[in-house]
Amino acid sequence: MSRMIAIRPESEAWSLRIDQQDGVLLFSSGAEAEGVARRLAGRLARYGERVDVLIFLRDGSLAGQLRSTPEEPHAAA
């Protein structure tokens, strides 16, 4: 199963929502929200989750999509 992180414009900010949860994080810029989403997706991938990050423009259209895939388990040294 895949997790989803959506970045959407709000009136004066940008929101980051994970899997349609009630809580959102707000950021002053889209770049800041995207940076946090990328780091979060990378962390979840390290724990075996596939994550899709969707970034929306102010007009509601999809600007871009990023996918983080689970990392392979590291071999014991």
PDB file of N, CA and C in Angstrom:
ATOM      1  N   MET A   1       0.838  -1.182   0.000  1.00  0.00           N
ATOM      2  CA  MET A   1       0.000   0.000   0.000  1.00  0.00           C
ATOM      3  C   MET A   1       0.880   1.242   0.000  1.00  0.00           C
ATOM      4  N   SER A   2       0.409   2.280  -0.630  1.00  0.00           N
ATOM      5  CA  SER A   2       1.168   3.509  -0.765  1.00  0.00           C
ATOM      6  C   SER A   2       0.612   4.590   0.154  1.00  0.00           C
ATOM      7  N   ARG A   3       1.506   5.380   0.730  1.00  0.00           N
ATOM      8  CA  ARG A   3       1.113   6.553   1.505  1.00  0.00           C
ATOM      9  C   ARG A   3       1.068   7.733   0.552  1.00  0.00           C
ATOM     10  N   MET A   4       0.270   8.746   0.878  1.00  0.00           N
ATOM     11  CA  MET A   4       0.186   9.920   0.032  1.00  0.00           C
ATOM     12  C   MET A   4       0.374  11.184   0.863  1.00  0.00           C
ATOM     13  N   ILE A   5       1.208  12.062   0.348  1.00  0.00           N
ATOM     14  CA  ILE A   5       1.420  13.383   0.928  1.00  0.00           C
ATOM     15  C   ILE A   5       0.987  14.391  -0.129  1.00  0.00           C
ATOM     16  N   ALA A   6       0.086  15.294   0.234  1.00  0.00           N
ATOM     17  CA  ALA A   6      -0.400  16.302  -0.708  1.00  0.00           C
ATOM     18  C   ALA A   6      -0.004  17.693  -0.231  1.00  0.00           C
ATOM     19  N   ILE A   7       0.524  18.467  -1.156  1.00  0.00           N
ATOM     20  CA  ILE A   7       0.874  19.863  -0.900  1.00  0.00           C
ATOM     21  C   ILE A   7      -0.089  20.714  -1.717  1.00  0.00           C
ATOM     22  N   ARG A   8      -0.806  21.585  -1.018  1.00  0.00           N
ATOM     23  CA  ARG A   8      -1.815  22.430  -1.677  1.00  0.00           C
ATOM     24  C   ARG A   8      -1.687  23.870  -1.182  1.00  0.00           C
ATOM     25  N   PRO A   9      -1.993  24.796  -2.062  1.00  0.00           N
ATOM     26  CA  PRO A   9      -1.994  26.193  -1.633  1.00  0.00           C
ATOM     27  C   PRO A   9      -3.196  26.478  -0.737  1.00  0.00           C
ATOM     28  N   GLU A  10      -2.970  27.268   0.262  1.00  0.00           N
ATOM     29  CA  GLU A  10      -4.025  27.804   1.118  1.00  0.00           C
ATOM     30  C   GLU A  10      -4.007  29.312   0.893  1.00  0.00           C
ATOM     31  N   SER A  11      -4.853  30.062   1.516  1.00  0.00           N
ATOM     32  CA  SER A  11      -4.956  31.496   1.234  1.00  0.00           C
ATOM     33  C   SER A  11      -3.594  32.198   1.218  1.00  0.00           C
ATOM     34  N   GLU A  12      -2.865  32.177   2.279  1.00  0.00           N
ATOM     35  CA  GLU A  12      -1.554  32.842   2.346  1.00  0.00           C
ATOM     36  C   GLU A  12      -0.437  31.862   2.659  1.00  0.00           C
ATOM     37  N   ALA A  13      -0.706  30.571   2.573  1.00  0.00           N
ATOM     38  CA  ALA A  13       0.286  29.571   2.966  1.00  0.00           C
ATOM     39  C   ALA A  13       0.174  28.351   2.060  1.00  0.00           C
ATOM     40  N   TRP A  14       0.958  27.338   2.368  1.00  0.00           N
ATOM     41  CA  TRP A  14       0.913  26.056   1.671  1.00  0.00           C
ATOM     42  C   TRP A  14       0.712  24.971   2.722  1.00  0.00           C
ATOM     43  N   SER A  15      -0.200  24.040   2.448  1.00  0.00           N
ATOM     44  CA  SER A  15      -0.484  22.979   3.414  1.00  0.00           C
ATOM     45  C   SER A  15       0.156  21.671   2.978  1.00  0.00           C
ATOM     46  N   LEU A  16       0.509  20.869   3.957  1.00  0.00           N
ATOM     47  CA  LEU A  16       1.028  19.525   3.735  1.00  0.00           C
ATOM     48  C   LEU A  16       0.140  18.590   4.538  1.00  0.00           C
ATOM     49  N   ARG A  17      -0.494  17.665   3.846  1.00  0.00           N
ATOM     50  CA  ARG A  17      -1.415  16.720   4.489  1.00  0.00           C
ATOM     51  C   ARG A  17      -0.960  15.306   4.140  1.00  0.00           C
ATOM     52  N   ILE A  18      -0.962  14.429   5.128  1.00  0.00           N
ATOM     53  CA  ILE A  18      -0.556  13.042   4.935  1.00  0.00           C
ATOM     54  C   ILE A  18      -1.788  12.153   4.958  1.00  0.00           C
ATOM     55  N   ASP A  19      -2.010  11.405   3.877  1.00  0.00           N
ATOM     56  CA  ASP A  19      -3.087  10.405   3.809  1.00  0.00           C
ATOM     57  C   ASP A  19      -4.449  10.930   4.247  1.00  0.00           C
ATOM     58  N   GLN A  20      -4.806  12.136   3.871  1.00  0.00           N
ATOM     59  CA  GLN A  20      -6.116  12.704   4.189  1.00  0.00           C
ATOM     60  C   GLN A  20      -6.407  12.761   5.694  1.00  0.00           C
ATOM     61  N   GLN A  21      -5.368  12.840   6.513  1.00  0.00           N
ATOM     62  CA  GLN A  21      -5.560  12.971   7.959  1.00  0.00           C
ATOM     63  C   GLN A  21      -6.160  14.339   8.260  1.00  0.00           C
ATOM     64  N   ASP A  22      -6.743  14.455   9.441  1.00  0.00           N
ATOM     65  CA  ASP A  22      -7.365  15.719   9.829  1.00  0.00           C
ATOM     66  C   ASP A  22      -6.345  16.840   9.991  1.00  0.00           C
ATOM     67  N   GLY A  23      -5.197  16.536  10.550  1.00  0.00           N
ATOM     68  CA  GLY A  23      -4.196  17.562  10.810  1.00  0.00           C
ATOM     69  C   GLY A  23      -3.397  17.911   9.571  1.00  0.00           C
ATOM     70  N   VAL A  24      -3.033  19.170   9.457  1.00  0.00           N
ATOM     71  CA  VAL A  24      -2.180  19.626   8.357  1.00  0.00           C
ATOM     72  C   VAL A  24      -1.038  20.445   8.922  1.00  0.00           C
ATOM     73  N   LEU A  25       0.042  20.507   8.171  1.00  0.00           N
ATOM     74  CA  LEU A  25       1.151  21.397   8.493  1.00  0.00           C
ATOM     75  C   LEU A  25       1.082  22.554   7.513  1.00  0.00           C
ATOM     76  N   LEU A  26       1.324  23.777   7.975  1.00  0.00           N
ATOM     77  CA  LEU A  26       1.285  24.957   7.109  1.00  0.00           C
ATOM     78  C   LEU A  26       2.679  25.551   6.985  1.00  0.00           C
ATOM     79  N   PHE A  27       2.991  26.013   5.767  1.00  0.00           N
ATOM     80  CA  PHE A  27       4.297  26.587   5.470  1.00  0.00           C
ATOM     81  C   PHE A  27       4.112  27.893   4.718  1.00  0.00           C
ATOM     82  N   SER A  28       5.092  28.775   4.829  1.00  0.00           N
ATOM     83  CA  SER A  28       4.983  30.075   4.172  1.00  0.00           C
ATOM     84  C   SER A  28       5.273  30.010   2.679  1.00  0.00           C
ATOM     85  N   SER A  29       5.919  28.939   2.216  1.00  0.00           N
ATOM     86  CA  SER A  29       6.194  28.812   0.786  1.00  0.00           C
ATOM     87  C   SER A  29       5.990  27.370   0.325  1.00  0.00           C
ATOM     88  N   GLY A  30       5.725  27.217  -0.953  1.00  0.00           N
ATOM     89  CA  GLY A  30       5.581  25.885  -1.524  1.00  0.00           C
ATOM     90  C   GLY A  30       6.896  25.125  -1.493  1.00  0.00           C
ATOM     91  N   ALA A  31       8.000  25.845  -1.684  1.00  0.00           N
ATOM     92  CA  ALA A  31       9.316  25.200  -1.656  1.00  0.00           C
ATOM     93  C   ALA A  31       9.604  24.606  -0.277  1.00  0.00           C
ATOM     94  N   GLU A  32       9.233  25.324   0.762  1.00  0.00           N
ATOM     95  CA  GLU A  32       9.442  24.822   2.124  1.00  0.00           C
ATOM     96  C   GLU A  32       8.597  23.571   2.360  1.00  0.00           C
ATOM     97  N   ALA A  33       7.345  23.602   1.938  1.00  0.00           N
ATOM     98  CA  ALA A  33       6.465  22.437   2.092  1.00  0.00           C
ATOM     99  C   ALA A  33       6.997  21.250   1.301  1.00  0.00           C
ATOM    100  N   GLU A  34       7.476  21.507   0.087  1.00  0.00           N
ATOM    101  CA  GLU A  34       8.014  20.420  -0.738  1.00  0.00           C
ATOM    102  C   GLU A  34       9.266  19.812  -0.104  1.00  0.00           C
ATOM    103  N   GLY A  35      10.123  20.638   0.459  1.00  0.00           N
ATOM    104  CA  GLY A  35      11.333  20.130   1.118  1.00  0.00           C
ATOM    105  C   GLY A  35      10.998  19.207   2.271  1.00  0.00           C
ATOM    106  N   VAL A  36      10.040  19.613   3.084  1.00  0.00           N
ATOM    107  CA  VAL A  36       9.619  18.769   4.214  1.00  0.00           C
ATOM    108  C   VAL A  36       8.988  17.475   3.698  1.00  0.00           C
ATOM    109  N   ALA A  37       8.169  17.577   2.655  1.00  0.00           N
ATOM    110  CA  ALA A  37       7.524  16.383   2.090  1.00  0.00           C
ATOM    111  C   ALA A  37       8.563  15.406   1.552  1.00  0.00           C
ATOM    112  N   ARG A  38       9.590  15.913   0.875  1.00  0.00           N
ATOM    113  CA  ARG A  38      10.655  15.046   0.350  1.00  0.00           C
ATOM    114  C   ARG A  38      11.393  14.328   1.478  1.00  0.00           C
ATOM    115  N   ARG A  39      11.726  15.067   2.520  1.00  0.00           N
ATOM    116  CA  ARG A  39      12.436  14.443   3.652  1.00  0.00           C
ATOM    117  C   ARG A  39      11.565  13.397   4.339  1.00  0.00           C
ATOM    118  N   LEU A  40      10.299  13.710   4.539  1.00  0.00           N
ATOM    119  CA  LEU A  40       9.373  12.767   5.159  1.00  0.00           C
ATOM    120  C   LEU A  40       9.204  11.519   4.296  1.00  0.00           C
ATOM    121  N   ALA A  41       9.054  11.702   2.982  1.00  0.00           N
ATOM    122  CA  ALA A  41       8.912  10.564   2.073  1.00  0.00           C
ATOM    123  C   ALA A  41      10.159   9.684   2.115  1.00  0.00           C
ATOM    124  N   GLY A  42      11.327  10.301   2.179  1.00  0.00           N
ATOM    125  CA  GLY A  42      12.573   9.538   2.271  1.00  0.00           C
ATOM    126  C   GLY A  42      12.652   8.722   3.545  1.00  0.00           C
ATOM    127  N   ARG A  43      12.242   9.318   4.648  1.00  0.00           N
ATOM    128  CA  ARG A  43      12.246   8.582   5.931  1.00  0.00           C
ATOM    129  C   ARG A  43      11.277   7.411   5.897  1.00  0.00           C
ATOM    130  N   LEU A  44      10.077   7.646   5.380  1.00  0.00           N
ATOM    131  CA  LEU A  44       9.098   6.556   5.293  1.00  0.00           C
ATOM    132  C   LEU A  44       9.601   5.441   4.378  1.00  0.00           C
ATOM    133  N   ALA A  45      10.285   5.797   3.287  1.00  0.00           N
ATOM    134  CA  ALA A  45      10.840   4.786   2.381  1.00  0.00           C
ATOM    135  C   ALA A  45      11.891   3.937   3.096  1.00  0.00           C
ATOM    136  N   ARG A  46      12.670   4.555   3.964  1.00  0.00           N
ATOM    137  CA  ARG A  46      13.668   3.781   4.716  1.00  0.00           C
ATOM    138  C   ARG A  46      13.002   2.764   5.637  1.00  0.00           C
ATOM    139  N   TYR A  47      11.757   3.009   6.014  1.00  0.00           N
ATOM    140  CA  TYR A  47      11.016   2.076   6.873  1.00  0.00           C
ATOM    141  C   TYR A  47      10.070   1.179   6.067  1.00  0.00           C
ATOM    142  N   GLY A  48      10.278   1.119   4.753  1.00  0.00           N
ATOM    143  CA  GLY A  48       9.538   0.172   3.934  1.00  0.00           C
ATOM    144  C   GLY A  48       8.245   0.670   3.316  1.00  0.00           C
ATOM    145  N   GLU A  49       7.963   1.952   3.409  1.00  0.00           N
ATOM    146  CA  GLU A  49       6.728   2.512   2.849  1.00  0.00           C
ATOM    147  C   GLU A  49       6.981   3.087   1.457  1.00  0.00           C
ATOM    148  N   ARG A  50       6.040   2.914   0.556  1.00  0.00           N
ATOM    149  CA  ARG A  50       6.068   3.629  -0.715  1.00  0.00           C
ATOM    150  C   ARG A  50       5.246   4.894  -0.518  1.00  0.00           C
ATOM    151  N   VAL A  51       5.767   6.019  -0.975  1.00  0.00           N
ATOM    152  CA  VAL A  51       5.108   7.307  -0.739  1.00  0.00           C
ATOM    153  C   VAL A  51       4.986   8.082  -2.043  1.00  0.00           C
ATOM    154  N   ASP A  52       3.796   8.580  -2.320  1.00  0.00           N
ATOM    155  CA  ASP A  52       3.564   9.484  -3.445  1.00  0.00           C
ATOM    156  C   ASP A  52       3.362  10.883  -2.886  1.00  0.00           C
ATOM    157  N   VAL A  53       4.123  11.839  -3.402  1.00  0.00           N
ATOM    158  CA  VAL A  53       3.984  13.240  -3.023  1.00  0.00           C
ATOM    159  C   VAL A  53       3.332  13.956  -4.202  1.00  0.00           C
ATOM    160  N   LEU A  54       2.171  14.554  -3.964  1.00  0.00           N
ATOM    161  CA  LEU A  54       1.446  15.295  -4.992  1.00  0.00           C
ATOM    162  C   LEU A  54       1.529  16.783  -4.684  1.00  0.00           C
ATOM    163  N   ILE A  55       1.902  17.572  -5.683  1.00  0.00           N
ATOM    164  CA  ILE A  55       2.049  19.012  -5.501  1.00  0.00           C
ATOM    165  C   ILE A  55       1.057  19.714  -6.433  1.00  0.00           C
ATOM    166  N   PHE A  56       0.189  20.520  -5.840  1.00  0.00           N
ATOM    167  CA  PHE A  56      -0.864  21.197  -6.599  1.00  0.00           C
ATOM    168  C   PHE A  56      -0.574  22.686  -6.727  1.00  0.00           C
ATOM    169  N   LEU A  57      -0.999  23.264  -7.843  1.00  0.00           N
ATOM    170  CA  LEU A  57      -0.875  24.700  -8.083  1.00  0.00           C
ATOM    171  C   LEU A  57      -2.075  25.443  -7.487  1.00  0.00           C
ATOM    172  N   ARG A  58      -2.001  26.755  -7.488  1.00  0.00           N
ATOM    173  CA  ARG A  58      -3.090  27.567  -6.935  1.00  0.00           C
ATOM    174  C   ARG A  58      -4.405  27.386  -7.695  1.00  0.00           C
ATOM    175  N   ASP A  59      -4.345  27.014  -8.963  1.00  0.00           N
ATOM    176  CA  ASP A  59      -5.581  26.798  -9.718  1.00  0.00           C
ATOM    177  C   ASP A  59      -6.153  25.391  -9.514  1.00  0.00           C
ATOM    178  N   GLY A  60      -5.510  24.592  -8.682  1.00  0.00           N
ATOM    179  CA  GLY A  60      -5.996  23.248  -8.367  1.00  0.00           C
ATOM    180  C   GLY A  60      -5.426  22.152  -9.241  1.00  0.00           C
ATOM    181  N   SER A  61      -4.689  22.518 -10.287  1.00  0.00           N
ATOM    182  CA  SER A  61      -4.123  21.492 -11.163  1.00  0.00           C
ATOM    183  C   SER A  61      -2.869  20.870 -10.532  1.00  0.00           C
ATOM    184  N   LEU A  62      -2.580  19.661 -10.948  1.00  0.00           N
ATOM    185  CA  LEU A  62      -1.423  18.929 -10.434  1.00  0.00           C
ATOM    186  C   LEU A  62      -0.163  19.460 -11.104  1.00  0.00           C
ATOM    187  N   ALA A  63       0.762  19.962 -10.293  1.00  0.00           N
ATOM    188  CA  ALA A  63       2.020  20.507 -10.819  1.00  0.00           C
ATOM    189  C   ALA A  63       3.065  19.426 -10.974  1.00  0.00           C
ATOM    190  N   GLY A  64       3.053  18.460 -10.076  1.00  0.00           N
ATOM    191  CA  GLY A  64       4.057  17.415 -10.122  1.00  0.00           C
ATOM    192  C   GLY A  64       3.779  16.311  -9.133  1.00  0.00           C
ATOM    193  N   GLN A  65       4.450  15.201  -9.361  1.00  0.00           N
ATOM    194  CA  GLN A  65       4.299  14.041  -8.486  1.00  0.00           C
ATOM    195  C   GLN A  65       5.663  13.411  -8.296  1.00  0.00           C
ATOM    196  N   LEU A  66       5.983  13.086  -7.057  1.00  0.00           N
ATOM    197  CA  LEU A  66       7.230  12.423  -6.711  1.00  0.00           C
ATOM    198  C   LEU A  66       6.892  11.092  -6.062  1.00  0.00           C
ATOM    199  N   ARG A  67       7.727  10.103  -6.263  1.00  0.00           N
ATOM    200  CA  ARG A  67       7.501   8.808  -5.620  1.00  0.00           C
ATOM    201  C   ARG A  67       8.772   8.365  -4.936  1.00  0.00           C
ATOM    202  N   SER A  68       8.647   7.992  -3.666  1.00  0.00           N
ATOM    203  CA  SER A  68       9.740   7.383  -2.919  1.00  0.00           C
ATOM    204  C   SER A  68       9.395   5.908  -2.749  1.00  0.00           C
ATOM    205  N   THR A  69      10.303   5.053  -3.138  1.00  0.00           N
ATOM    206  CA  THR A  69      10.058   3.617  -3.031  1.00  0.00           C
ATOM    207  C   THR A  69      10.858   3.038  -1.874  1.00  0.00           C
ATOM    208  N   PRO A  70      10.351   1.952  -1.281  1.00  0.00           N
ATOM    209  CA  PRO A  70      11.052   1.351  -0.147  1.00  0.00           C
ATOM    210  C   PRO A  70      12.479   0.962  -0.523  1.00  0.00           C
ATOM    211  N   GLU A  71      13.370   1.182   0.415  1.00  0.00           N
ATOM    212  CA  GLU A  71      14.755   0.811   0.204  1.00  0.00           C
ATOM    213  C   GLU A  71      14.945  -0.674   0.498  1.00  0.00           C
ATOM    214  N   GLU A  72      15.915  -1.252  -0.160  1.00  0.00           N
ATOM    215  CA  GLU A  72      16.249  -2.644   0.105  1.00  0.00           C
ATOM    216  C   GLU A  72      16.875  -2.749   1.489  1.00  0.00           C
ATOM    217  N   PRO A  73      16.570  -3.811   2.218  1.00  0.00           N
ATOM    218  CA  PRO A  73      17.227  -4.007   3.512  1.00  0.00           C
ATOM    219  C   PRO A  73      18.732  -4.092   3.324  1.00  0.00           C
ATOM    220  N   HIS A  74      19.453  -3.505   4.240  1.00  0.00           N
ATOM    221  CA  HIS A  74      20.912  -3.550   4.163  1.00  0.00           C
ATOM    222  C   HIS A  74      21.409  -4.911   4.631  1.00  0.00           C
ATOM    223  N   ALA A  75      22.364  -5.430   3.913  1.00  0.00           N
ATOM    224  CA  ALA A  75      22.951  -6.730   4.287  1.00  0.00           C
ATOM    225  C   ALA A  75      23.777  -6.566   5.558  1.00  0.00           C
ATOM    226  N   ALA A  76      23.712  -7.558   6.401  1.00  0.00           N
ATOM    227  CA  ALA A  76      24.499  -7.517   7.636  1.00  0.00           C
ATOM    228  C   ALA A  76      25.979  -7.599   7.287  1.00  0.00           C
ATOM    229  N   ALA A  77      26.759  -6.750   7.911  1.00  0.00           N
ATOM    230  CA  ALA A  77      28.205  -6.724   7.642  1.00  0.00           C
ATOM    231  C   ALA A  77      28.917  -7.778   8.432  1.00  0.00           C
TER     232      ALA A  77
END
